[in-house]
Amino acid sequence: MDDNANDDKHEQRFMVRANNQVQNKEFGDAVRSCQGSIGFVLDKDQRQQLHREISGQGYGFHDIVGICIDLFG
C-alpha cells in the first residue's frame, strides 16, 4: 500500500470519528431538551431505548426531541 492510500484511510477514520462526535453531541443536546419538556431525567435504559429507536435513521435534532417526547412524555 502506498503512502497516499494510507493517508486516505487515516483521513476516512478521522472523518468517521469526527462525524460520530457531532452525532453524539446532537443526541445529548436533544436528550437534554426532551428532558426539559417531559420534566424528568432519562435513565440509562431509556437513553438506550431512544438510541435504538433513532439509530441509522438520519434524524436531526428536532426529530430526536419529538421522538423522545413521544416515547417518554
C-alpha atoms as a PDB file:
ATOM      1  CA  MET A   1       0.000   0.000   0.000  1.00  0.00           C
ATOM      2  CA  ASP A   2       1.427   3.402  -0.884  1.00  0.00           C
ATOM      3  CA  ASP A   3       1.586   6.471   1.361  1.00  0.00           C
ATOM      4  CA  ASN A   4      -1.382   8.132  -0.362  1.00  0.00           C
ATOM      5  CA  ALA A   5      -3.602   5.131   0.349  1.00  0.00           C
ATOM      6  CA  ASN A   6      -2.507   5.160   3.997  1.00  0.00           C
ATOM      7  CA  ASP A   7      -3.227   8.893   4.214  1.00  0.00           C
ATOM      8  CA  ASP A   8      -6.687   8.362   2.684  1.00  0.00           C
ATOM      9  CA  LYS A   9      -7.527   5.598   5.172  1.00  0.00           C
ATOM     10  CA  HIS A  10      -6.337   7.771   8.071  1.00  0.00           C
ATOM     11  CA  GLU A  11      -8.436  10.695   6.845  1.00  0.00           C
ATOM     12  CA  GLN A  12     -11.510   8.466   6.446  1.00  0.00           C
ATOM     13  CA  ARG A  13     -11.134   7.164  10.014  1.00  0.00           C
ATOM     14  CA  PHE A  14     -10.749  10.738  11.272  1.00  0.00           C
ATOM     15  CA  MET A  15     -13.883  11.869   9.410  1.00  0.00           C
ATOM     16  CA  VAL A  16     -15.927   8.941  10.762  1.00  0.00           C
ATOM     17  CA  ARG A  17     -14.726   9.702  14.287  1.00  0.00           C
ATOM     18  CA  ALA A  18     -15.453  13.435  13.898  1.00  0.00           C
ATOM     19  CA  ASN A  19     -18.927  12.723  12.482  1.00  0.00           C
ATOM     20  CA  ASN A  20     -19.662  10.350  15.362  1.00  0.00           C
ATOM     21  CA  GLN A  21     -18.647  13.024  17.862  1.00  0.00           C
ATOM     22  CA  VAL A  22     -21.014  15.504  16.208  1.00  0.00           C
ATOM     23  CA  GLN A  23     -23.829  12.949  16.268  1.00  0.00           C
ATOM     24  CA  ASN A  24     -23.171  12.132  19.926  1.00  0.00           C
ATOM     25  CA  LYS A  25     -23.305  15.826  20.847  1.00  0.00           C
ATOM     26  CA  GLU A  26     -26.534  16.293  18.908  1.00  0.00           C
ATOM     27  CA  PHE A  27     -28.051  13.263  20.652  1.00  0.00           C
ATOM     28  CA  GLY A  28     -27.028  14.586  24.065  1.00  0.00           C
ATOM     29  CA  ASP A  29     -28.402  18.045  23.298  1.00  0.00           C
ATOM     30  CA  ALA A  30     -31.684  16.536  22.083  1.00  0.00           C
ATOM     31  CA  VAL A  31     -31.977  14.369  25.204  1.00  0.00           C
ATOM     32  CA  ARG A  32     -31.446  17.421  27.433  1.00  0.00           C
ATOM     33  CA  SER A  33     -34.099  19.342  25.509  1.00  0.00           C
ATOM     34  CA  CYS A  34     -36.509  16.415  25.779  1.00  0.00           C
ATOM     35  CA  GLN A  35     -35.847  16.097  29.500  1.00  0.00           C
ATOM     36  CA  GLY A  36     -36.738  19.762  29.940  1.00  0.00           C
ATOM     37  CA  SER A  37     -40.024  19.154  28.143  1.00  0.00           C
ATOM     38  CA  ILE A  38     -41.012  15.955  29.945  1.00  0.00           C
ATOM     39  CA  GLY A  39     -39.843  17.089  33.373  1.00  0.00           C
ATOM     40  CA  PHE A  40     -37.519  14.244  34.329  1.00  0.00           C
ATOM     41  CA  VAL A  41     -34.073  12.887  33.511  1.00  0.00           C
ATOM     42  CA  LEU A  42     -33.889   9.799  31.313  1.00  0.00           C
ATOM     43  CA  ASP A  43     -32.105   6.882  32.909  1.00  0.00           C
ATOM     44  CA  LYS A  44     -29.521   4.774  31.075  1.00  0.00           C
ATOM     45  CA  ASP A  45     -32.094   2.238  29.832  1.00  0.00           C
ATOM     46  CA  GLN A  46     -34.356   4.990  28.485  1.00  0.00           C
ATOM     47  CA  ARG A  47     -31.429   6.669  26.694  1.00  0.00           C
ATOM     48  CA  GLN A  48     -30.514   3.322  25.147  1.00  0.00           C
ATOM     49  CA  GLN A  49     -34.126   2.743  24.085  1.00  0.00           C
ATOM     50  CA  LEU A  50     -34.193   6.154  22.405  1.00  0.00           C
ATOM     51  CA  HIS A  51     -30.847   5.471  20.740  1.00  0.00           C
ATOM     52  CA  ARG A  52     -32.114   2.146  19.347  1.00  0.00           C
ATOM     53  CA  GLU A  53     -35.239   3.890  18.065  1.00  0.00           C
ATOM     54  CA  ILE A  54     -33.321   6.537  16.098  1.00  0.00           C
ATOM     55  CA  SER A  55     -30.126   4.721  15.067  1.00  0.00           C
ATOM     56  CA  GLY A  56     -29.435   4.691  11.358  1.00  0.00           C
ATOM     57  CA  GLN A  57     -32.488   6.789  10.517  1.00  0.00           C
ATOM     58  CA  GLY A  58     -30.748  10.096   9.779  1.00  0.00           C
ATOM     59  CA  TYR A  59     -32.913  12.052  12.210  1.00  0.00           C
ATOM     60  CA  GLY A  60     -31.979  15.606  13.149  1.00  0.00           C
ATOM     61  CA  PHE A  61     -32.166  17.387  16.497  1.00  0.00           C
ATOM     62  CA  HIS A  62     -35.866  18.294  16.370  1.00  0.00           C
ATOM     63  CA  ASP A  63     -36.833  14.820  15.169  1.00  0.00           C
ATOM     64  CA  ILE A  64     -34.952  13.230  18.072  1.00  0.00           C
ATOM     65  CA  VAL A  65     -36.572  15.562  20.602  1.00  0.00           C
ATOM     66  CA  GLY A  66     -40.018  14.750  19.194  1.00  0.00           C
ATOM     67  CA  ILE A  67     -39.427  11.007  19.254  1.00  0.00           C
ATOM     68  CA  CYS A  68     -38.119  11.251  22.802  1.00  0.00           C
ATOM     69  CA  ILE A  69     -41.213  13.158  23.919  1.00  0.00           C
ATOM     70  CA  ASP A  70     -43.448  10.631  22.138  1.00  0.00           C
ATOM     71  CA  LEU A  71     -41.698   7.752  23.903  1.00  0.00           C
ATOM     72  CA  PHE A  72     -41.422   9.193  27.396  1.00  0.00           C
ATOM     73  CA  GLY A  73     -43.669  12.253  27.640  1.00  0.00           C
END
